[in-house]
Protein backbone atom coordinates (compact mmCIF):
# COMPACT_ATOMS: atom_id res chain seq x y z
CA UNK A 1 0.75 9.08 21.74
CA UNK A 2 2.84 6.64 23.77
CA UNK A 3 4.10 4.51 25.29
CA UNK A 4 1.27 1.90 25.12
CA UNK A 5 -2.25 3.10 24.41
CA UNK A 6 -5.55 1.44 23.52
CA UNK A 7 -7.67 3.93 21.60
CA UNK A 8 -11.39 4.17 22.46
CA UNK A 9 -14.22 3.16 20.17
CA UNK A 10 -14.81 5.06 16.94
CA UNK A 11 -12.45 7.92 17.64
CA UNK A 12 -12.53 10.76 15.11
CA UNK A 13 -9.56 13.10 15.26
CA UNK A 14 -7.71 15.54 13.03
CA UNK A 15 -4.10 14.36 13.29
CA UNK A 16 -2.53 11.47 15.16
CA UNK A 17 1.19 11.14 15.95
CA UNK A 18 2.57 8.00 17.60
CA UNK A 19 6.13 8.50 18.84
CA UNK A 20 6.75 5.56 21.17
CA UNK A 21 5.12 2.32 22.28
CA UNK A 22 2.23 0.39 20.72
CA UNK A 23 -1.14 1.98 19.96
CA UNK A 24 -3.79 -0.73 19.51
CA UNK A 25 -7.23 -0.05 18.03
CA UNK A 26 -10.36 -1.53 19.61
CA UNK A 27 -12.70 -0.10 16.98
CA UNK A 28 -12.64 2.03 13.84
CA UNK A 29 -10.53 5.18 13.63
CA UNK A 30 -11.55 8.07 11.35
CA UNK A 31 -9.15 10.94 10.70
CA UNK A 32 -9.67 14.16 8.78
CA UNK A 33 -5.97 14.94 9.01
CA UNK A 34 -3.27 12.29 8.95
CA UNK A 35 -1.26 9.69 10.84
CA UNK A 36 2.45 9.73 11.58
CA UNK A 37 4.10 6.71 13.21
CA UNK A 38 7.50 8.12 14.11
CA UNK A 39 10.21 6.39 16.13
CA UNK A 40 11.99 3.06 16.47
CA UNK A 41 9.56 1.79 19.13
CA UNK A 42 6.40 3.41 17.72
CA UNK A 43 3.75 1.04 16.37
CA UNK A 44 0.12 1.28 15.22
CA UNK A 45 -1.71 -2.05 15.47
CA UNK A 46 -5.02 -2.22 13.59
CA UNK A 47 -6.25 -5.27 15.51
CA UNK A 48 -8.95 -6.26 12.94
CA UNK A 49 -10.23 -2.68 12.60
CA UNK A 50 -10.55 0.02 9.95
CA UNK A 51 -8.45 3.18 9.79
CA UNK A 52 -10.02 5.68 7.40
CA UNK A 53 -8.29 8.93 6.43
CA UNK A 54 -10.50 11.35 4.50
CA UNK A 55 -9.18 14.92 4.81
CA UNK A 56 -8.20 17.03 1.81
CA UNK A 57 -4.65 17.51 3.16
CA UNK A 58 -4.26 14.06 4.68
CA UNK A 59 -1.38 11.60 4.75
CA UNK A 60 -0.23 8.31 6.20
CA UNK A 61 3.45 8.18 7.18
CA UNK A 62 5.61 5.57 8.88
CA UNK A 63 9.10 6.92 9.51
CA UNK A 64 12.28 6.75 11.64
CA UNK A 65 11.96 3.03 12.34
CA UNK A 66 8.22 3.03 13.17
CA UNK A 67 5.81 0.20 12.36
CA UNK A 68 2.31 -0.48 11.03
CA UNK A 69 0.99 -3.83 12.25
CA UNK A 70 -1.55 -5.60 10.01
CA UNK A 71 -1.70 -9.32 10.81
CA UNK A 72 -5.47 -10.02 10.69
CA UNK A 73 -7.79 -10.47 7.70
CA UNK A 74 -10.04 -7.72 9.11
CA UNK A 75 -7.26 -5.09 9.18
CA UNK A 76 -7.99 -2.26 6.75
CA UNK A 77 -6.21 1.02 6.02
CA UNK A 78 -8.19 3.34 3.73
CA UNK A 79 -6.43 6.54 2.61
CA UNK A 80 -8.77 8.68 0.49
CA UNK A 81 -8.83 12.00 -1.44
CA UNK A 82 -5.48 11.42 -3.12
CA UNK A 83 -3.57 11.49 0.18
CA UNK A 84 -0.01 10.07 0.02
CA UNK A 85 1.23 6.94 1.77
CA UNK A 86 4.88 6.83 2.88
CA UNK A 87 6.62 3.77 4.38
CA UNK A 88 10.07 4.57 5.79
CA UNK A 89 10.04 2.63 9.05
CA UNK A 90 11.72 -0.47 10.37
CA UNK A 91 11.55 -3.96 8.87
CA UNK A 92 7.90 -4.94 8.41
CA UNK A 93 8.45 -8.64 7.62
CA UNK A 94 6.68 -9.84 10.79
CA UNK A 95 4.09 -7.05 10.85
CA UNK A 96 2.51 -6.88 7.37
CA UNK A 97 0.74 -10.21 6.96
CA UNK A 98 -2.96 -9.70 6.16
CA UNK A 99 -5.80 -7.28 5.44
CA UNK A 100 -6.10 -4.56 2.81
CA UNK A 101 -4.54 -1.16 2.12
CA UNK A 102 -6.64 1.17 -0.06
CA UNK A 103 -4.52 3.90 -1.64
CA UNK A 104 -5.85 6.85 -3.64
CA UNK A 105 -2.63 8.89 -3.85
CA UNK A 106 1.08 8.40 -4.37
CA UNK A 107 2.72 5.42 -2.65
CA UNK A 108 6.37 5.62 -1.55
CA UNK A 109 8.70 3.09 0.07
CA UNK A 110 11.88 4.68 1.39
CA UNK A 111 14.83 3.01 3.11
CA UNK A 112 16.30 5.48 5.57
CA UNK A 113 16.12 2.98 8.44
CA UNK A 114 15.49 -0.36 6.70
CA UNK A 115 15.34 -1.57 3.11
CA UNK A 116 12.55 -3.89 4.29
CA UNK A 117 10.20 -1.06 5.32
CA UNK A 118 7.41 -2.52 3.16
CA UNK A 119 8.37 -6.21 3.20
CA UNK A 120 6.12 -9.15 3.99
CA UNK A 121 6.74 -12.77 4.91
CA UNK A 122 6.07 -15.75 2.67
CA UNK A 123 2.59 -16.40 4.09
CA UNK A 124 1.32 -12.84 3.68
CA UNK A 125 -2.15 -12.28 2.19
CA UNK A 126 -2.02 -8.46 2.32
CA UNK A 127 -3.66 -6.83 -0.71
CA UNK A 128 -2.97 -3.25 -1.78
CA UNK A 129 -5.71 -1.59 -3.83
CA UNK A 130 -5.10 1.52 -5.94
CA UNK A 131 -8.46 3.19 -6.52
CA UNK A 132 -7.97 6.85 -7.46
CA UNK A 133 -9.57 6.62 -10.88
CA UNK A 134 -6.52 8.60 -12.05
CA UNK A 135 -2.73 8.40 -11.97
CA UNK A 136 -0.87 7.35 -8.82
CA UNK A 137 2.92 7.44 -8.69
CA UNK A 138 4.63 4.48 -7.02
CA UNK A 139 8.27 4.60 -5.88
CA UNK A 140 10.28 1.86 -4.19
CA UNK A 141 13.77 2.66 -2.94
CA UNK A 142 14.53 -1.04 -2.47
CA UNK A 143 12.30 -3.19 -4.70
CA UNK A 144 14.46 -6.26 -4.14
CA UNK A 145 13.56 -6.36 -0.44
CA UNK A 146 10.30 -4.39 -0.19
CA UNK A 147 7.32 -5.38 -2.30
CA UNK A 148 3.58 -5.82 -2.67
CA UNK A 149 1.89 -9.15 -2.05
CA UNK A 150 -1.22 -8.74 -4.23
CA UNK A 151 -1.92 -5.48 -6.10
CA UNK A 152 -5.32 -4.58 -7.55
CA UNK A 153 -6.28 -1.61 -9.74
CA UNK A 154 -9.80 -0.45 -9.02
CA UNK A 155 -11.99 2.57 -9.72
CA UNK A 156 -15.08 3.80 -11.56
CA UNK A 157 -12.71 5.31 -14.12
CA UNK A 158 -9.30 4.13 -15.21
CA UNK A 159 -6.62 3.92 -12.52
CA UNK A 160 -3.00 4.03 -13.70
CA UNK A 161 0.02 3.18 -11.57
CA UNK A 162 2.88 5.40 -12.77
CA UNK A 163 6.13 3.68 -11.83
CA UNK A 164 9.09 5.78 -10.75
CA UNK A 165 10.97 2.53 -10.00
CA UNK A 166 10.68 -1.18 -10.62
CA UNK A 167 8.20 -3.01 -8.40
CA UNK A 168 7.81 -6.62 -7.28
CA UNK A 169 4.59 -8.50 -6.48
CA UNK A 170 5.00 -11.78 -4.64
CA UNK A 171 1.38 -12.46 -5.58
CA UNK A 172 -0.80 -11.25 -8.45
CA UNK A 173 -1.53 -8.08 -10.38
CA UNK A 174 -5.25 -7.70 -11.08
CA UNK A 175 -7.98 -5.16 -11.82
CA UNK A 176 -11.73 -4.94 -11.53
CA UNK A 177 -14.15 -4.82 -14.47
CA UNK A 178 -15.59 -1.36 -13.83
CA UNK A 179 -13.51 0.57 -16.32
CA UNK A 180 -11.46 0.20 -19.46
CA UNK A 181 -7.94 1.54 -19.13
CA UNK A 182 -6.61 0.35 -15.77
CA UNK A 183 -2.88 -0.08 -16.22
CA UNK A 184 0.74 0.61 -15.42
CA UNK A 185 3.10 3.12 -16.97
CA UNK A 186 6.57 4.62 -16.50
CA UNK A 187 7.16 8.14 -15.19
CA UNK A 188 10.24 8.50 -17.41
CA UNK A 189 11.44 7.49 -20.86
CA UNK A 190 13.11 4.48 -19.25
CA UNK A 191 11.21 1.21 -19.16
CA UNK A 192 10.18 -0.01 -15.72
CA UNK A 193 9.77 -3.63 -14.68
CA UNK A 194 6.85 -5.23 -12.86
CA UNK A 195 7.72 -8.69 -11.55
CA UNK A 196 4.75 -10.73 -10.38
CA UNK A 197 3.76 -14.32 -9.64
CA UNK A 198 0.63 -14.01 -11.76
CA UNK A 199 -1.79 -11.79 -13.60
CA UNK A 200 -5.58 -11.86 -13.27
CA UNK A 201 -7.50 -10.04 -15.98
CA UNK A 202 -11.09 -8.87 -15.76
CA UNK A 203 -13.35 -8.25 -18.79
CA UNK A 204 -11.30 -5.27 -19.96
CA UNK A 205 -7.55 -5.38 -20.65
CA UNK A 206 -4.87 -4.00 -18.38
CA UNK A 207 -2.69 -1.58 -20.31
CA UNK A 208 1.08 -1.36 -19.92
CA UNK A 209 2.91 1.66 -21.32
CA UNK A 210 6.72 1.60 -21.33
CA UNK A 211 6.57 -1.17 -18.72
CA UNK A 212 7.81 -4.74 -18.97
CA UNK A 213 5.92 -7.49 -17.14
CA UNK A 214 7.84 -10.49 -15.83
CA UNK A 215 6.12 -13.47 -14.27
CA UNK A 216 7.86 -15.67 -11.73
CA UNK A 217 6.83 -18.66 -9.68
CA UNK A 218 3.43 -18.91 -11.32
CA UNK A 219 1.36 -18.54 -14.45
CA UNK A 220 0.02 -15.40 -16.09
CA UNK A 221 -3.76 -15.76 -15.84
CA UNK A 222 -4.55 -13.21 -18.52
CA UNK A 223 -3.08 -11.18 -21.32
CA UNK A 224 -1.89 -7.60 -20.76
CA UNK A 225 -2.47 -5.11 -23.57
CA UNK A 226 0.34 -2.77 -24.69
C-alpha cells in the first residue's frame, strides 16, 4: 500500500504490506496473516483504532526505516497466537506515545536503521502487555536508546519474559493477579538487567530468575521474589 491511503471500515485481510506513504485507519483492522511496514517513508497510523492479528503464522514487522504511529489512548495493537513482533524501523520517539501493545510471542528491537526504533518520548503512556501464558523471548539491540514505557505480565497461566538482552522501562513493571508465576528470566547463564522506574505487585509475587532488577527515578511498589 502507498503512498497515502485511508483504509475502509473493519477491513479483514490476510497480509498487509505498506511500502511508502502513510496508511491511516478509520476503524478496526483484523488480519489472519501479518503486517509489514517496510521503507523509510512507510507508516501505519492507528488513529485510535484496534489492529488485531490472529493467524497461526502471523507477524508484525516494522523494518527498513518504517514507522508505527500510536499517539492516542485508543490505539491498540493486538498480536495473538504467539506471533512475533519485530521493530527495526526509523526513530519512533515522536510516534510511540500512547495506547497499548498486546504481545503473545517473541518481541525484538533491532537497530539496522536506527537505535531508537522502539523509543518513546518523556510523556509517553504506551503500555506493552505480554500475555502468552508461557515464555516470550525479548531482545533489544540497543536498550540504552530503545525501551518500554510500562510493561505488564498478564495471562490465565504464568507468563515469563525470557531476556536475551538487558531491558529498560521508563515506567513500571507490573503483573495481574490471575496466576502465580509471572516473571522474568535470562535466556543464558549470564544475568540480565531490568531497569525500571517502579514495580507494582499484584496478590502473587513476580519471580525473577537470573535477572537483576534496578529501580531508577522512583520507588519499588512491591517486592519481587527470586
